[in-house]
């Protein structure tokens, strides 16, 4: 009779999705020209609501259905507005020009803000002072031609 030893194979490591969440924050002040980042979104305080603003039912501030796109304004009011008008308001507030293709929705912070008004599963949630008017700007991704032009400059 032979004795067969059972050989233990090392268990395979299972790759798990790790969510690293920055601390939530409620901005004490957020004046026109101030900027905050939430991942690849820039939130820019502007002076007034664009005249072209129309209420938006979709509260997600970035297009897409991936986890990275889930920048959700859970409270307050969200608007779509003419990108050209929002770009002008951003320039007046910051002195910086933003291409219209990078302009997203506009939101107004609720009267009773919390640190979780703008949520995201990976980046810390944020809240802005009551009545803050904010424009969303998408992170710019350079295409191959633009990268080559930068190298030549």
C-alpha atoms as a PDB file:
ATOM      1  CA  UNK A   1       0.000   0.000   0.000  1.00  0.00           C
ATOM      2  CA  UNK A   2       1.393   3.351  -1.027  1.00  0.00           C
ATOM      3  CA  UNK A   3       0.790   6.459   0.957  1.00  0.00           C
ATOM      4  CA  UNK A   4       0.088   9.391  -1.242  1.00  0.00           C
ATOM      5  CA  UNK A   5       0.635  12.788   0.210  1.00  0.00           C
ATOM      6  CA  UNK A   6      -1.712  15.474  -0.829  1.00  0.00           C
ATOM      7  CA  UNK A   7       0.287  18.379  -2.147  1.00  0.00           C
ATOM      8  CA  UNK A   8      -1.099  21.725  -1.207  1.00  0.00           C
ATOM      9  CA  UNK A   9      -0.930  24.163  -4.054  1.00  0.00           C
ATOM     10  CA  UNK A  10      -0.595  27.782  -3.135  1.00  0.00           C
ATOM     11  CA  UNK A  11      -3.924  29.516  -3.320  1.00  0.00           C
ATOM     12  CA  UNK A  12      -4.278  31.910  -6.205  1.00  0.00           C
ATOM     13  CA  UNK A  13      -4.480  35.504  -5.193  1.00  0.00           C
ATOM     14  CA  UNK A  14      -7.716  37.030  -6.308  1.00  0.00           C
ATOM     15  CA  UNK A  15      -7.437  40.555  -7.537  1.00  0.00           C
ATOM     16  CA  UNK A  16     -10.064  42.633  -5.822  1.00  0.00           C
ATOM     17  CA  UNK A  17     -11.210  46.069  -6.744  1.00  0.00           C
ATOM     18  CA  UNK A  18      -9.800  48.442  -4.202  1.00  0.00           C
ATOM     19  CA  UNK A  19     -11.547  51.719  -3.678  1.00  0.00           C
ATOM     20  CA  UNK A  20      -9.375  54.433  -2.234  1.00  0.00           C
ATOM     21  CA  UNK A  21     -11.572  57.205  -1.008  1.00  0.00           C
ATOM     22  CA  UNK A  22     -10.173  60.575  -0.079  1.00  0.00           C
ATOM     23  CA  UNK A  23     -11.719  62.241   2.933  1.00  0.00           C
ATOM     24  CA  UNK A  24     -15.008  64.036   2.381  1.00  0.00           C
ATOM     25  CA  UNK A  25     -14.908  67.791   2.799  1.00  0.00           C
ATOM     26  CA  UNK A  26     -17.270  70.693   3.119  1.00  0.00           C
ATOM     27  CA  UNK A  27     -15.608  73.809   1.725  1.00  0.00           C
ATOM     28  CA  UNK A  28     -15.872  76.665   4.236  1.00  0.00           C
ATOM     29  CA  UNK A  29     -15.662  79.201   1.406  1.00  0.00           C
ATOM     30  CA  UNK A  30     -15.866  78.854  -2.367  1.00  0.00           C
ATOM     31  CA  UNK A  31     -15.771  82.247  -4.050  1.00  0.00           C
ATOM     32  CA  UNK A  32     -15.849  82.977  -7.801  1.00  0.00           C
ATOM     33  CA  UNK A  33     -12.506  81.906  -9.236  1.00  0.00           C
ATOM     34  CA  UNK A  34     -11.911  79.163  -6.646  1.00  0.00           C
ATOM     35  CA  UNK A  35     -11.275  75.689  -8.055  1.00  0.00           C
ATOM     36  CA  UNK A  36     -11.574  72.235  -6.531  1.00  0.00           C
ATOM     37  CA  UNK A  37     -10.768  68.873  -8.091  1.00  0.00           C
ATOM     38  CA  UNK A  38     -12.619  65.598  -7.787  1.00  0.00           C
ATOM     39  CA  UNK A  39     -10.582  63.137  -9.801  1.00  0.00           C
ATOM     40  CA  UNK A  40     -10.639  64.251 -13.430  1.00  0.00           C
ATOM     41  CA  UNK A  41     -13.275  66.947 -12.848  1.00  0.00           C
ATOM     42  CA  UNK A  42     -12.511  70.524 -11.957  1.00  0.00           C
ATOM     43  CA  UNK A  43     -15.206  72.420 -10.109  1.00  0.00           C
ATOM     44  CA  UNK A  44     -14.949  76.175 -10.724  1.00  0.00           C
ATOM     45  CA  UNK A  45     -16.906  78.762  -8.750  1.00  0.00           C
ATOM     46  CA  UNK A  46     -18.542  81.283 -11.077  1.00  0.00           C
ATOM     47  CA  UNK A  47     -20.344  84.518 -10.234  1.00  0.00           C
ATOM     48  CA  UNK A  48     -23.796  83.859 -11.692  1.00  0.00           C
ATOM     49  CA  UNK A  49     -25.994  81.200 -13.185  1.00  0.00           C
ATOM     50  CA  UNK A  50     -25.770  81.332 -16.992  1.00  0.00           C
ATOM     51  CA  UNK A  51     -28.865  82.854 -18.615  1.00  0.00           C
ATOM     52  CA  UNK A  52     -29.051  79.774 -20.869  1.00  0.00           C
ATOM     53  CA  UNK A  53     -29.253  77.391 -17.861  1.00  0.00           C
ATOM     54  CA  UNK A  54     -31.995  74.787 -18.055  1.00  0.00           C
ATOM     55  CA  UNK A  55     -32.758  72.324 -15.213  1.00  0.00           C
ATOM     56  CA  UNK A  56     -31.262  68.895 -15.784  1.00  0.00           C
ATOM     57  CA  UNK A  57     -32.762  65.656 -14.475  1.00  0.00           C
ATOM     58  CA  UNK A  58     -29.526  63.684 -14.848  1.00  0.00           C
ATOM     59  CA  UNK A  59     -27.485  64.458 -11.725  1.00  0.00           C
ATOM     60  CA  UNK A  60     -24.323  62.744 -12.985  1.00  0.00           C
ATOM     61  CA  UNK A  61     -21.775  65.398 -13.936  1.00  0.00           C
ATOM     62  CA  UNK A  62     -19.595  63.278 -16.256  1.00  0.00           C
ATOM     63  CA  UNK A  63     -20.731  61.195 -19.207  1.00  0.00           C
ATOM     64  CA  UNK A  64     -20.325  57.429 -19.052  1.00  0.00           C
ATOM     65  CA  UNK A  65     -21.322  54.403 -17.052  1.00  0.00           C
ATOM     66  CA  UNK A  66     -17.958  53.459 -15.583  1.00  0.00           C
ATOM     67  CA  UNK A  67     -17.127  53.833 -11.924  1.00  0.00           C
ATOM     68  CA  UNK A  68     -14.820  56.739 -12.771  1.00  0.00           C
ATOM     69  CA  UNK A  69     -17.674  58.693 -14.355  1.00  0.00           C
ATOM     70  CA  UNK A  70     -19.910  58.578 -11.283  1.00  0.00           C
ATOM     71  CA  UNK A  71     -19.542  62.162 -10.120  1.00  0.00           C
ATOM     72  CA  UNK A  72     -23.087  62.592  -8.776  1.00  0.00           C
ATOM     73  CA  UNK A  73     -24.598  65.778  -7.395  1.00  0.00           C
ATOM     74  CA  UNK A  74     -26.879  64.221  -4.768  1.00  0.00           C
ATOM     75  CA  UNK A  75     -28.411  67.523  -3.616  1.00  0.00           C
ATOM     76  CA  UNK A  76     -28.767  71.038  -4.972  1.00  0.00           C
ATOM     77  CA  UNK A  77     -29.765  71.975  -8.516  1.00  0.00           C
ATOM     78  CA  UNK A  78     -28.050  70.828 -11.714  1.00  0.00           C
ATOM     79  CA  UNK A  79     -28.297  72.646 -15.055  1.00  0.00           C
ATOM     80  CA  UNK A  80     -27.231  72.334 -18.660  1.00  0.00           C
ATOM     81  CA  UNK A  81     -26.138  75.626 -20.226  1.00  0.00           C
ATOM     82  CA  UNK A  82     -24.555  76.867 -23.431  1.00  0.00           C
ATOM     83  CA  UNK A  83     -20.858  75.908 -23.225  1.00  0.00           C
ATOM     84  CA  UNK A  84     -19.800  79.227 -24.776  1.00  0.00           C
ATOM     85  CA  UNK A  85     -21.591  81.181 -22.053  1.00  0.00           C
ATOM     86  CA  UNK A  86     -20.158  79.012 -19.265  1.00  0.00           C
ATOM     87  CA  UNK A  87     -16.650  79.374 -20.724  1.00  0.00           C
ATOM     88  CA  UNK A  88     -17.021  83.179 -20.597  1.00  0.00           C
ATOM     89  CA  UNK A  89     -18.165  83.035 -16.945  1.00  0.00           C
ATOM     90  CA  UNK A  90     -15.179  80.795 -16.099  1.00  0.00           C
ATOM     91  CA  UNK A  91     -12.784  83.224 -17.796  1.00  0.00           C
ATOM     92  CA  UNK A  92     -14.304  86.194 -15.936  1.00  0.00           C
ATOM     93  CA  UNK A  93     -13.921  84.343 -12.615  1.00  0.00           C
ATOM     94  CA  UNK A  94     -10.452  82.858 -13.120  1.00  0.00           C
ATOM     95  CA  UNK A  95      -8.772  84.731 -15.971  1.00  0.00           C
ATOM     96  CA  UNK A  96      -8.283  81.359 -17.690  1.00  0.00           C
ATOM     97  CA  UNK A  97      -9.716  80.332 -21.019  1.00  0.00           C
ATOM     98  CA  UNK A  98     -11.391  76.920 -21.199  1.00  0.00           C
ATOM     99  CA  UNK A  99     -12.255  75.241 -24.486  1.00  0.00           C
ATOM    100  CA  UNK A 100     -15.993  74.747 -24.884  1.00  0.00           C
ATOM    101  CA  UNK A 101     -15.441  71.007 -25.450  1.00  0.00           C
ATOM    102  CA  UNK A 102     -14.276  70.741 -21.813  1.00  0.00           C
ATOM    103  CA  UNK A 103     -17.283  72.492 -20.266  1.00  0.00           C
ATOM    104  CA  UNK A 104     -19.844  70.353 -18.444  1.00  0.00           C
ATOM    105  CA  UNK A 105     -22.979  71.049 -16.403  1.00  0.00           C
ATOM    106  CA  UNK A 106     -23.431  73.804 -13.843  1.00  0.00           C
ATOM    107  CA  UNK A 107     -24.773  73.282 -10.334  1.00  0.00           C
ATOM    108  CA  UNK A 108     -25.967  75.353  -7.404  1.00  0.00           C
ATOM    109  CA  UNK A 109     -25.187  74.096  -3.920  1.00  0.00           C
ATOM    110  CA  UNK A 110     -28.179  73.440  -1.622  1.00  0.00           C
ATOM    111  CA  UNK A 111     -29.227  75.857   1.138  1.00  0.00           C
ATOM    112  CA  UNK A 112     -28.110  73.347   3.794  1.00  0.00           C
ATOM    113  CA  UNK A 113     -24.883  71.908   2.338  1.00  0.00           C
ATOM    114  CA  UNK A 114     -23.181  68.746   3.598  1.00  0.00           C
ATOM    115  CA  UNK A 115     -19.802  67.238   2.777  1.00  0.00           C
ATOM    116  CA  UNK A 116     -21.543  64.551   0.688  1.00  0.00           C
ATOM    117  CA  UNK A 117     -23.450  66.701  -1.836  1.00  0.00           C
ATOM    118  CA  UNK A 118     -21.071  65.832  -4.691  1.00  0.00           C
ATOM    119  CA  UNK A 119     -20.291  62.128  -4.371  1.00  0.00           C
ATOM    120  CA  UNK A 120     -17.915  59.740  -6.130  1.00  0.00           C
ATOM    121  CA  UNK A 121     -17.031  56.103  -5.276  1.00  0.00           C
ATOM    122  CA  UNK A 122     -13.246  56.651  -5.477  1.00  0.00           C
ATOM    123  CA  UNK A 123     -12.653  60.316  -4.751  1.00  0.00           C
ATOM    124  CA  UNK A 124     -13.763  62.083  -1.616  1.00  0.00           C
ATOM    125  CA  UNK A 125     -17.221  63.555  -1.605  1.00  0.00           C
ATOM    126  CA  UNK A 126     -17.469  67.339  -1.421  1.00  0.00           C
ATOM    127  CA  UNK A 127     -19.880  70.025  -0.407  1.00  0.00           C
ATOM    128  CA  UNK A 128     -19.870  73.720  -1.217  1.00  0.00           C
ATOM    129  CA  UNK A 129     -21.265  76.714   0.709  1.00  0.00           C
ATOM    130  CA  UNK A 130     -24.993  77.366   0.344  1.00  0.00           C
ATOM    131  CA  UNK A 131     -25.898  78.864  -3.025  1.00  0.00           C
ATOM    132  CA  UNK A 132     -22.441  78.416  -4.569  1.00  0.00           C
ATOM    133  CA  UNK A 133     -22.689  78.400  -8.355  1.00  0.00           C
ATOM    134  CA  UNK A 134     -20.208  76.002  -9.871  1.00  0.00           C
ATOM    135  CA  UNK A 135     -19.209  75.034 -13.403  1.00  0.00           C
ATOM    136  CA  UNK A 136     -17.819  71.607 -14.225  1.00  0.00           C
ATOM    137  CA  UNK A 137     -14.700  71.408 -16.388  1.00  0.00           C
ATOM    138  CA  UNK A 138     -13.484  68.074 -17.747  1.00  0.00           C
ATOM    139  CA  UNK A 139      -9.824  67.149 -17.659  1.00  0.00           C
ATOM    140  CA  UNK A 140      -8.194  67.710 -21.020  1.00  0.00           C
ATOM    141  CA  UNK A 141      -6.702  64.664 -22.754  1.00  0.00           C
ATOM    142  CA  UNK A 142      -4.179  65.431 -25.442  1.00  0.00           C
ATOM    143  CA  UNK A 143      -4.506  63.472 -28.657  1.00  0.00           C
ATOM    144  CA  UNK A 144      -1.386  62.201 -30.462  1.00  0.00           C
ATOM    145  CA  UNK A 145      -1.155  65.240 -32.740  1.00  0.00           C
ATOM    146  CA  UNK A 146      -1.366  67.660 -29.809  1.00  0.00           C
ATOM    147  CA  UNK A 147       1.359  65.747 -27.905  1.00  0.00           C
ATOM    148  CA  UNK A 148       3.666  65.879 -30.926  1.00  0.00           C
ATOM    149  CA  UNK A 149       3.036  69.612 -31.351  1.00  0.00           C
ATOM    150  CA  UNK A 150       3.964  70.191 -27.697  1.00  0.00           C
ATOM    151  CA  UNK A 151       7.264  68.380 -28.162  1.00  0.00           C
ATOM    152  CA  UNK A 152       8.125  70.546 -31.172  1.00  0.00           C
ATOM    153  CA  UNK A 153       7.433  73.807 -29.318  1.00  0.00           C
END
